Amino acid sequence: MRAAVADIRRLTSGNRDSFKADRHVQQAVAYNLAVLGEAARSLAPELRSRYPNVPWVEMIDQRNVVVHEYHHLDSASLWITARKNIPPLDQQLAAIEETERDRASQDTQS
């Protein structure tokens, strides 16, 4: 998940006009949003429930739009999602990664 987030952030690090003009970049962002949603869907429900503030359902819904309603995607919605929602998600995923690593370490010490 963190790799998909990093890719989205890298792909949208330029300006909005260059993003709007590059269909391949838009497709790469859409692909990574689908990866995020698929990964979120595949996580154990127990893990998702430990982090209720993470927008798991929204990620899964976004994946469904990207995969099944791709003809409704536009550069503006992809840009907004990437620039508004991905940075806080990146922080949340980093915190989860650290917490879960600590949790696993404690479990192995017990």
Foldseek 3Di string as FASTA:
>chain_A
DLVLLVLLCVLLVDDLVVLQVDVVSLLSLLVSLLVQLVVLVPDDPVLCVVPVVQPNVVSVVSNCCSVPVVVPDHSVVSNCCSVPPSVVNSVVVVVSVVVVVVVVVVVVVD
